[in-house]
C-alpha atoms as a PDB file:
ATOM      1  CA  UNK A   1      -0.001   0.005   0.002  1.00  0.00           C
ATOM      2  CA  UNK A   2       0.979   3.619  -0.482  1.00  0.00           C
ATOM      3  CA  UNK A   3      -1.866   4.949   1.641  1.00  0.00           C
ATOM      4  CA  UNK A   4      -0.204   7.207   4.273  1.00  0.00           C
ATOM      5  CA  UNK A   5      -2.697   6.045   6.910  1.00  0.00           C
ATOM      6  CA  UNK A   6      -1.818   2.392   6.304  1.00  0.00           C
ATOM      7  CA  UNK A   7       1.907   3.113   6.213  1.00  0.00           C
ATOM      8  CA  UNK A   8       1.716   5.019   9.497  1.00  0.00           C
ATOM      9  CA  UNK A   9       0.610   1.839  11.251  1.00  0.00           C
ATOM     10  CA  UNK A  10       3.462  -0.296   9.913  1.00  0.00           C
ATOM     11  CA  UNK A  11       6.444  -1.314  12.022  1.00  0.00           C
ATOM     12  CA  UNK A  12       8.782  -1.562   9.026  1.00  0.00           C
ATOM     13  CA  UNK A  13       8.558   0.028   5.584  1.00  0.00           C
ATOM     14  CA  UNK A  14      10.601  -1.141   2.601  1.00  0.00           C
ATOM     15  CA  UNK A  15      10.497   0.589  -0.802  1.00  0.00           C
ATOM     16  CA  UNK A  16       7.576   2.831   0.176  1.00  0.00           C
ATOM     17  CA  UNK A  17       7.041   5.853   2.407  1.00  0.00           C
ATOM     18  CA  UNK A  18       9.695   8.218   1.054  1.00  0.00           C
ATOM     19  CA  UNK A  19      11.928   7.967   4.161  1.00  0.00           C
ATOM     20  CA  UNK A  20      15.180   6.239   5.066  1.00  0.00           C
ATOM     21  CA  UNK A  21      16.059   6.339   8.758  1.00  0.00           C
ATOM     22  CA  UNK A  22      18.455   3.419   9.052  1.00  0.00           C
ATOM     23  CA  UNK A  23      16.261   1.403  11.395  1.00  0.00           C
ATOM     24  CA  UNK A  24      12.695   0.797  10.225  1.00  0.00           C
ATOM     25  CA  UNK A  25      12.138   2.879   7.088  1.00  0.00           C
ATOM     26  CA  UNK A  26      13.993   1.839   3.949  1.00  0.00           C
ATOM     27  CA  UNK A  27      12.855   3.808   0.922  1.00  0.00           C
ATOM     28  CA  UNK A  28      14.977   5.413  -1.795  1.00  0.00           C
ATOM     29  CA  UNK A  29      12.311   7.211  -3.832  1.00  0.00           C
ATOM     30  CA  UNK A  30      12.595  10.572  -2.067  1.00  0.00           C
ATOM     31  CA  UNK A  31      13.755  13.583  -4.101  1.00  0.00           C
ATOM     32  CA  UNK A  32      17.157  13.666  -2.415  1.00  0.00           C
ATOM     33  CA  UNK A  33      17.476   9.878  -2.806  1.00  0.00           C
ATOM     34  CA  UNK A  34      19.057   7.896   0.056  1.00  0.00           C
ATOM     35  CA  UNK A  35      22.733   8.351  -0.596  1.00  0.00           C
ATOM     36  CA  UNK A  36      25.291   6.546  -2.697  1.00  0.00           C
ATOM     37  CA  UNK A  37      28.409   4.473  -2.253  1.00  0.00           C
ATOM     38  CA  UNK A  38      31.895   5.944  -2.798  1.00  0.00           C
ATOM     39  CA  UNK A  39      31.931   4.459  -6.312  1.00  0.00           C
ATOM     40  CA  UNK A  40      28.726   6.308  -7.249  1.00  0.00           C
ATOM     41  CA  UNK A  41      26.184   3.464  -7.097  1.00  0.00           C
ATOM     42  CA  UNK A  42      23.006   4.805  -5.513  1.00  0.00           C
ATOM     43  CA  UNK A  43      21.346   2.833  -2.747  1.00  0.00           C
ATOM     44  CA  UNK A  44      18.017   1.245  -3.577  1.00  0.00           C
ATOM     45  CA  UNK A  45      15.773  -0.158  -0.865  1.00  0.00           C
ATOM     46  CA  UNK A  46      17.516  -3.536  -1.132  1.00  0.00           C
ATOM     47  CA  UNK A  47      20.876  -1.893  -0.565  1.00  0.00           C
ATOM     48  CA  UNK A  48      19.577   0.123   2.366  1.00  0.00           C
ATOM     49  CA  UNK A  49      18.276  -3.010   4.082  1.00  0.00           C
ATOM     50  CA  UNK A  50      21.504  -4.845   3.318  1.00  0.00           C
ATOM     51  CA  UNK A  51      23.605  -1.992   4.700  1.00  0.00           C
ATOM     52  CA  UNK A  52      21.856  -2.218   8.053  1.00  0.00           C
ATOM     53  CA  UNK A  53      21.235  -5.931   8.434  1.00  0.00           C
ATOM     54  CA  UNK A  54      23.747  -7.567   6.126  1.00  0.00           C
ATOM     55  CA  UNK A  55      26.642  -7.431   8.617  1.00  0.00           C
ATOM     56  CA  UNK A  56      24.642  -9.670  10.970  1.00  0.00           C
ATOM     57  CA  UNK A  57      24.833 -12.513   8.448  1.00  0.00           C
ATOM     58  CA  UNK A  58      28.450 -12.130   7.361  1.00  0.00           C
ATOM     59  CA  UNK A  59      31.379 -13.285   9.440  1.00  0.00           C
ATOM     60  CA  UNK A  60      33.655 -10.476   8.286  1.00  0.00           C
ATOM     61  CA  UNK A  61      33.479  -7.024   6.741  1.00  0.00           C
ATOM     62  CA  UNK A  62      35.244  -8.452   3.681  1.00  0.00           C
ATOM     63  CA  UNK A  63      32.446 -10.992   3.209  1.00  0.00           C
ATOM     64  CA  UNK A  64      29.846  -8.251   3.553  1.00  0.00           C
ATOM     65  CA  UNK A  65      31.630  -6.146   0.914  1.00  0.00           C
ATOM     66  CA  UNK A  66      31.882  -9.099  -1.454  1.00  0.00           C
ATOM     67  CA  UNK A  67      28.139  -9.749  -1.372  1.00  0.00           C
ATOM     68  CA  UNK A  68      27.519  -6.031  -1.781  1.00  0.00           C
ATOM     69  CA  UNK A  69      29.679  -5.828  -4.908  1.00  0.00           C
ATOM     70  CA  UNK A  70      28.579  -9.148  -6.400  1.00  0.00           C
ATOM     71  CA  UNK A  71      24.825  -9.126  -5.770  1.00  0.00           C
ATOM     72  CA  UNK A  72      23.506  -5.993  -4.086  1.00  0.00           C
ATOM     73  CA  UNK A  73      25.148  -3.207  -6.096  1.00  0.00           C
ATOM     74  CA  UNK A  74      24.104  -4.566  -9.515  1.00  0.00           C
ATOM     75  CA  UNK A  75      20.492  -4.674  -8.307  1.00  0.00           C
ATOM     76  CA  UNK A  76      20.718  -1.231  -6.716  1.00  0.00           C
ATOM     77  CA  UNK A  77      22.229   0.327  -9.843  1.00  0.00           C
ATOM     78  CA  UNK A  78      19.580  -1.086 -12.154  1.00  0.00           C
ATOM     79  CA  UNK A  79      16.789  -0.101  -9.749  1.00  0.00           C
ATOM     80  CA  UNK A  80      18.081   3.476  -9.841  1.00  0.00           C
ATOM     81  CA  UNK A  81      18.435   3.609 -13.621  1.00  0.00           C
ATOM     82  CA  UNK A  82      22.245   3.465 -13.632  1.00  0.00           C
ATOM     83  CA  UNK A  83      23.880   1.579 -16.502  1.00  0.00           C
ATOM     84  CA  UNK A  84      26.582  -0.819 -15.359  1.00  0.00           C
ATOM     85  CA  UNK A  85      28.624  -0.493 -18.545  1.00  0.00           C
ATOM     86  CA  UNK A  86      29.827   2.387 -20.682  1.00  0.00           C
ATOM     87  CA  UNK A  87      31.437   1.573 -23.996  1.00  0.00           C
ATOM     88  CA  UNK A  88      31.604  -2.072 -22.993  1.00  0.00           C
ATOM     89  CA  UNK A  89      33.603  -1.238 -19.864  1.00  0.00           C
ATOM     90  CA  UNK A  90      32.446  -1.473 -16.238  1.00  0.00           C
ATOM     91  CA  UNK A  91      31.173   1.958 -15.241  1.00  0.00           C
ATOM     92  CA  UNK A  92      31.553   1.240 -11.527  1.00  0.00           C
ATOM     93  CA  UNK A  93      34.812  -0.519 -10.725  1.00  0.00           C
ATOM     94  CA  UNK A  94      34.194  -4.094  -9.615  1.00  0.00           C
ATOM     95  CA  UNK A  95      30.441  -4.007 -10.265  1.00  0.00           C
ATOM     96  CA  UNK A  96      29.121  -6.113 -13.145  1.00  0.00           C
ATOM     97  CA  UNK A  97      25.780  -7.664 -14.028  1.00  0.00           C
ATOM     98  CA  UNK A  98      24.594 -10.612 -11.960  1.00  0.00           C
ATOM     99  CA  UNK A  99      24.016 -13.487 -14.377  1.00  0.00           C
ATOM    100  CA  UNK A 100      21.822 -16.582 -14.287  1.00  0.00           C
ATOM    101  CA  UNK A 101      24.963 -18.709 -14.387  1.00  0.00           C
ATOM    102  CA  UNK A 102      26.245 -16.923 -11.305  1.00  0.00           C
ATOM    103  CA  UNK A 103      22.950 -17.503  -9.511  1.00  0.00           C
ATOM    104  CA  UNK A 104      22.923 -21.232 -10.297  1.00  0.00           C
ATOM    105  CA  UNK A 105      26.574 -21.597  -9.301  1.00  0.00           C
ATOM    106  CA  UNK A 106      25.682 -20.447  -5.782  1.00  0.00           C
ATOM    107  CA  UNK A 107      23.947 -23.805  -5.292  1.00  0.00           C
ATOM    108  CA  UNK A 108      27.380 -25.464  -5.281  1.00  0.00           C
ATOM    109  CA  UNK A 109      28.417 -26.057  -1.667  1.00  0.00           C
ATOM    110  CA  UNK A 110      31.352 -23.899  -0.574  1.00  0.00           C
ATOM    111  CA  UNK A 111      34.611 -25.663   0.137  1.00  0.00           C
ATOM    112  CA  UNK A 112      34.005 -25.565   3.912  1.00  0.00           C
ATOM    113  CA  UNK A 113      30.328 -26.565   3.736  1.00  0.00           C
ATOM    114  CA  UNK A 114      28.969 -29.922   4.886  1.00  0.00           C
ATOM    115  CA  UNK A 115      25.920 -29.693   2.632  1.00  0.00           C
ATOM    116  CA  UNK A 116      25.243 -32.658   0.349  1.00  0.00           C
ATOM    117  CA  UNK A 117      26.499 -31.963  -3.182  1.00  0.00           C
ATOM    118  CA  UNK A 118      23.886 -34.137  -4.900  1.00  0.00           C
ATOM    119  CA  UNK A 119      21.106 -32.568  -2.876  1.00  0.00           C
ATOM    120  CA  UNK A 120      22.255 -29.099  -3.863  1.00  0.00           C
ATOM    121  CA  UNK A 121      22.434 -30.207  -7.499  1.00  0.00           C
ATOM    122  CA  UNK A 122      18.777 -31.222  -7.445  1.00  0.00           C
ATOM    123  CA  UNK A 123      17.899 -27.891  -5.821  1.00  0.00           C
ATOM    124  CA  UNK A 124      19.725 -26.133  -8.648  1.00  0.00           C
ATOM    125  CA  UNK A 125      17.948 -28.253 -11.259  1.00  0.00           C
ATOM    126  CA  UNK A 126      14.568 -27.381  -9.749  1.00  0.00           C
ATOM    127  CA  UNK A 127      15.513 -23.695  -9.727  1.00  0.00           C
ATOM    128  CA  UNK A 128      16.647 -23.873 -13.373  1.00  0.00           C
ATOM    129  CA  UNK A 129      13.450 -25.685 -14.382  1.00  0.00           C
ATOM    130  CA  UNK A 130      11.295 -22.965 -12.813  1.00  0.00           C
ATOM    131  CA  UNK A 131      13.236 -20.336 -14.749  1.00  0.00           C
ATOM    132  CA  UNK A 132      12.904 -22.191 -18.049  1.00  0.00           C
ATOM    133  CA  UNK A 133       9.164 -22.708 -17.573  1.00  0.00           C
ATOM    134  CA  UNK A 134       8.788 -19.038 -16.669  1.00  0.00           C
ATOM    135  CA  UNK A 135      10.749 -17.963 -19.759  1.00  0.00           C
ATOM    136  CA  UNK A 136       8.520 -20.062 -22.000  1.00  0.00           C
ATOM    137  CA  UNK A 137       5.414 -18.528 -20.418  1.00  0.00           C
ATOM    138  CA  UNK A 138       6.947 -15.055 -20.780  1.00  0.00           C
ATOM    139  CA  UNK A 139       7.692 -15.669 -24.462  1.00  0.00           C
ATOM    140  CA  UNK A 140       4.095 -16.693 -25.104  1.00  0.00           C
ATOM    141  CA  UNK A 141       2.886 -13.630 -23.225  1.00  0.00           C
ATOM    142  CA  UNK A 142       5.240 -11.278 -25.104  1.00  0.00           C
ATOM    143  CA  UNK A 143       3.637 -12.272 -28.401  1.00  0.00           C
ATOM    144  CA  UNK A 144       0.240 -11.287 -26.992  1.00  0.00           C
ATOM    145  CA  UNK A 145       1.697  -8.036 -25.622  1.00  0.00           C
ATOM    146  CA  UNK A 146       3.179  -7.072 -28.973  1.00  0.00           C
ATOM    147  CA  UNK A 147      -0.243  -7.407 -30.608  1.00  0.00           C
ATOM    148  CA  UNK A 148      -1.860  -5.218 -27.928  1.00  0.00           C
ATOM    149  CA  UNK A 149       0.810  -2.509 -28.183  1.00  0.00           C
ATOM    150  CA  UNK A 150       0.843  -2.496 -31.979  1.00  0.00           C
ATOM    151  CA  UNK A 151      -2.919  -2.012 -31.900  1.00  0.00           C
ATOM    152  CA  UNK A 152      -2.476   1.014 -29.600  1.00  0.00           C
ATOM    153  CA  UNK A 153       0.214   2.487 -31.855  1.00  0.00           C
ATOM    154  CA  UNK A 154      -1.897   1.927 -34.969  1.00  0.00           C
ATOM    155  CA  UNK A 155      -4.879   3.656 -33.357  1.00  0.00           C
ATOM    156  CA  UNK A 156      -2.915   6.937 -33.216  1.00  0.00           C
ATOM    157  CA  UNK A 157       0.307   6.445 -35.178  1.00  0.00           C
ATOM    158  CA  UNK A 158       1.593  10.030 -35.077  1.00  0.00           C
ATOM    159  CA  UNK A 159       0.984  10.641 -31.362  1.00  0.00           C
ATOM    160  CA  UNK A 160       3.910  11.096 -28.934  1.00  0.00           C
ATOM    161  CA  UNK A 161       1.752   9.246 -26.372  1.00  0.00           C
ATOM    162  CA  UNK A 162       1.048   5.521 -26.545  1.00  0.00           C
ATOM    163  CA  UNK A 163      -2.104   4.855 -24.540  1.00  0.00           C
ATOM    164  CA  UNK A 164      -2.692   1.332 -23.255  1.00  0.00           C
ATOM    165  CA  UNK A 165      -5.979   0.374 -21.611  1.00  0.00           C
ATOM    166  CA  UNK A 166      -4.340  -2.569 -19.846  1.00  0.00           C
ATOM    167  CA  UNK A 167      -0.785  -3.074 -18.708  1.00  0.00           C
ATOM    168  CA  UNK A 168       1.543  -5.256 -20.710  1.00  0.00           C
ATOM    169  CA  UNK A 169       5.243  -5.018 -21.606  1.00  0.00           C
ATOM    170  CA  UNK A 170       5.454  -2.251 -24.182  1.00  0.00           C
ATOM    171  CA  UNK A 171       9.024  -0.986 -24.591  1.00  0.00           C
ATOM    172  CA  UNK A 172      10.102  -3.916 -26.790  1.00  0.00           C
ATOM    173  CA  UNK A 173       7.477  -2.835 -29.316  1.00  0.00           C
ATOM    174  CA  UNK A 174       7.300   0.938 -28.883  1.00  0.00           C
ATOM    175  CA  UNK A 175      11.045   1.619 -29.136  1.00  0.00           C
ATOM    176  CA  UNK A 176      11.568   0.052 -32.596  1.00  0.00           C
ATOM    177  CA  UNK A 177       8.089   0.603 -34.020  1.00  0.00           C
ATOM    178  CA  UNK A 178       7.137   4.121 -32.860  1.00  0.00           C
ATOM    179  CA  UNK A 179      10.089   6.528 -33.170  1.00  0.00           C
ATOM    180  CA  UNK A 180       7.905   9.538 -32.386  1.00  0.00           C
ATOM    181  CA  UNK A 181       6.572   8.158 -29.089  1.00  0.00           C
ATOM    182  CA  UNK A 182       7.865   9.950 -25.993  1.00  0.00           C
ATOM    183  CA  UNK A 183       5.660   8.535 -23.227  1.00  0.00           C
ATOM    184  CA  UNK A 184       3.542   5.481 -22.590  1.00  0.00           C
ATOM    185  CA  UNK A 185       0.435   5.732 -20.392  1.00  0.00           C
ATOM    186  CA  UNK A 186      -0.925   2.566 -18.807  1.00  0.00           C
ATOM    187  CA  UNK A 187      -2.798   1.313 -15.717  1.00  0.00           C
ATOM    188  CA  UNK A 188      -0.829  -0.207 -12.855  1.00  0.00           C
ATOM    189  CA  UNK A 189      -1.775  -3.272 -10.832  1.00  0.00           C
ATOM    190  CA  UNK A 190      -2.587  -0.974  -7.912  1.00  0.00           C
ATOM    191  CA  UNK A 191      -5.298   0.854  -9.819  1.00  0.00           C
ATOM    192  CA  UNK A 192      -3.313   4.022 -10.547  1.00  0.00           C
ATOM    193  CA  UNK A 193      -2.213   5.173 -14.007  1.00  0.00           C
ATOM    194  CA  UNK A 194       1.447   5.489 -14.935  1.00  0.00           C
ATOM    195  CA  UNK A 195       3.256   7.786 -17.342  1.00  0.00           C
ATOM    196  CA  UNK A 196       6.607   6.318 -18.332  1.00  0.00           C
ATOM    197  CA  UNK A 197       9.241   7.789 -20.602  1.00  0.00           C
ATOM    198  CA  UNK A 198      10.119   5.791 -23.704  1.00  0.00           C
ATOM    199  CA  UNK A 199      13.804   4.771 -23.607  1.00  0.00           C
ATOM    200  CA  UNK A 200      16.126   5.771 -26.425  1.00  0.00           C
ATOM    201  CA  UNK A 201      17.135   2.166 -26.919  1.00  0.00           C
ATOM    202  CA  UNK A 202      16.150  -1.203 -25.513  1.00  0.00           C
ATOM    203  CA  UNK A 203      18.098  -2.093 -22.392  1.00  0.00           C
ATOM    204  CA  UNK A 204      19.218   1.500 -21.893  1.00  0.00           C
ATOM    205  CA  UNK A 205      18.271   4.025 -19.248  1.00  0.00           C
ATOM    206  CA  UNK A 206      18.449   7.166 -21.381  1.00  0.00           C
ATOM    207  CA  UNK A 207      14.945   8.441 -22.194  1.00  0.00           C
ATOM    208  CA  UNK A 208      13.753  10.159 -25.338  1.00  0.00           C
ATOM    209  CA  UNK A 209      12.360  12.863 -23.062  1.00  0.00           C
ATOM    210  CA  UNK A 210      12.454  13.120 -19.267  1.00  0.00           C
ATOM    211  CA  UNK A 211       9.617  14.350 -17.095  1.00  0.00           C
ATOM    212  CA  UNK A 212       9.954  18.011 -15.972  1.00  0.00           C
ATOM    213  CA  UNK A 213      12.675  18.758 -13.426  1.00  0.00           C
ATOM    214  CA  UNK A 214      10.287  20.534 -10.973  1.00  0.00           C
ATOM    215  CA  UNK A 215       8.385  17.227 -10.600  1.00  0.00           C
ATOM    216  CA  UNK A 216      11.434  15.204  -9.586  1.00  0.00           C
ATOM    217  CA  UNK A 217      10.974  13.168  -6.408  1.00  0.00           C
ATOM    218  CA  UNK A 218       7.675  14.778  -5.409  1.00  0.00           C
ATOM    219  CA  UNK A 219       4.791  12.773  -3.970  1.00  0.00           C
ATOM    220  CA  UNK A 220       1.111  13.194  -3.155  1.00  0.00           C
ATOM    221  CA  UNK A 221       0.155  16.758  -2.187  1.00  0.00           C
ATOM    222  CA  UNK A 222       3.478  18.298  -3.171  1.00  0.00           C
ATOM    223  CA  UNK A 223       3.296  16.626  -6.593  1.00  0.00           C
ATOM    224  CA  UNK A 224      -0.350  17.615  -7.036  1.00  0.00           C
ATOM    225  CA  UNK A 225       0.407  21.250  -6.218  1.00  0.00           C
ATOM    226  CA  UNK A 226       3.312  21.541  -8.642  1.00  0.00           C
ATOM    227  CA  UNK A 227       1.502  19.835 -11.530  1.00  0.00           C
ATOM    228  CA  UNK A 228      -1.971  21.183 -10.885  1.00  0.00           C
ATOM    229  CA  UNK A 229      -3.282  17.612 -11.104  1.00  0.00           C
ATOM    230  CA  UNK A 230      -5.324  17.018  -7.890  1.00  0.00           C
ATOM    231  CA  UNK A 231      -4.998  13.236  -8.018  1.00  0.00           C
ATOM    232  CA  UNK A 232      -1.316  13.167  -8.931  1.00  0.00           C
ATOM    233  CA  UNK A 233       0.570  10.476  -7.009  1.00  0.00           C
ATOM    234  CA  UNK A 234       4.325  10.786  -7.510  1.00  0.00           C
ATOM    235  CA  UNK A 235       7.266  11.399  -9.804  1.00  0.00           C
ATOM    236  CA  UNK A 236      10.343   9.175  -9.538  1.00  0.00           C
ATOM    237  CA  UNK A 237      13.614  10.989  -8.718  1.00  0.00           C
ATOM    238  CA  UNK A 238      14.977   9.646 -12.002  1.00  0.00           C
ATOM    239  CA  UNK A 239      12.206  11.533 -13.856  1.00  0.00           C
ATOM    240  CA  UNK A 240      11.352   8.570 -16.048  1.00  0.00           C
ATOM    241  CA  UNK A 241       7.984   7.651 -14.506  1.00  0.00           C
ATOM    242  CA  UNK A 242       5.148   9.383 -12.673  1.00  0.00           C
ATOM    243  CA  UNK A 243       1.562   8.548 -11.855  1.00  0.00           C
ATOM    244  CA  UNK A 244      -1.963   9.698 -11.124  1.00  0.00           C
ATOM    245  CA  UNK A 245      -5.114   8.018  -9.913  1.00  0.00           C
ATOM    246  CA  UNK A 246      -7.096   8.345 -13.155  1.00  0.00           C
ATOM    247  CA  UNK A 247      -6.456   7.781 -16.834  1.00  0.00           C
ATOM    248  CA  UNK A 248      -7.466  11.321 -17.701  1.00  0.00           C
ATOM    249  CA  UNK A 249      -4.999  12.809 -15.243  1.00  0.00           C
ATOM    250  CA  UNK A 250      -2.184  10.568 -16.447  1.00  0.00           C
ATOM    251  CA  UNK A 251      -2.769  11.667 -20.039  1.00  0.00           C
ATOM    252  CA  UNK A 252      -2.691  15.307 -18.870  1.00  0.00           C
ATOM    253  CA  UNK A 253       0.633  14.700 -17.137  1.00  0.00           C
ATOM    254  CA  UNK A 254       2.041  13.201 -20.321  1.00  0.00           C
ATOM    255  CA  UNK A 255       0.817  16.133 -22.382  1.00  0.00           C
ATOM    256  CA  UNK A 256       2.343  18.585 -19.893  1.00  0.00           C
ATOM    257  CA  UNK A 257       5.632  16.740 -19.962  1.00  0.00           C
ATOM    258  CA  UNK A 258       5.749  16.864 -23.765  1.00  0.00           C
ATOM    259  CA  UNK A 259       5.249  20.638 -23.785  1.00  0.00           C
ATOM    260  CA  UNK A 260       7.752  21.269 -20.959  1.00  0.00           C
END
C-alpha cells in the first residue's frame, strides 16, 4: 500500500514511504534519494536493508563487501536507472551484471560446507526448471503483448503518447516501431495510471524525453500542487515515470511533460 494512513501503522517500511532512517524505514524514492556508495552506485531499498542488516549474516566485513559488490550493487544500480557499462567497460569498478549462471553456481556447496553436493544439485535443477518454464510462459505472453501494443500504436500512429488500456510489456514494441513516441500511459496493478518515458534504446536508461525537473521526487500533495493535477501520485527521482489516480490525469501529465 501507499496509503499514508496504512503506512503510518506499519512497524517496518521497505520501498515505500519516502523515508530512510536506518532502522525501520527503507525507501529510496525521495527527491534527495538515500545516498550513494563511494563508487557512485546509488542505494536502492535492497541496498539500504543490506547496509543495516547484512553485517549480521556475514562473518567479516570483507564478506559483507563481497556480497555487496557481487549481488547488491548490480540490483541497486539497475533499480536506480544506472547503467553498469559504458562503452563495454564497467562503469563502476568491480560491479558487473549478476548473471543466471552466477545464480545457479551459488547452489554449489562452498569448500568448507557440509551440505550434500547431490542434494544441492537437485535444488539447482529445480531452480533452473522454474526459470525455463517461466521464460517459456513469458515468451508466449510477449507475443500477446506485442499485438496489444501495436494495436495502440496503430490507433494513433503520429501521437507522442502511446495509450494502453491494460498493462503489458510495451518498450520492446514501442522503441523500434514508434520513433515519435515519448511517453507510454498505462494502468498499474494498484489501480493508478502510470506515465513512463520511452527509452532511447532497448536495455538503456536514457529516455527520449524526461519528465519536468520541478516534478522530480515529489509525492502526493506536493506533486499535485506543482503539476496542478489534484490526483497526482508521484514522480520518480529519475524523472522517467510518474503517476496519477485516473487515466485522464495521467494523459494530462504526459501532455504537460511533452510541452515542458
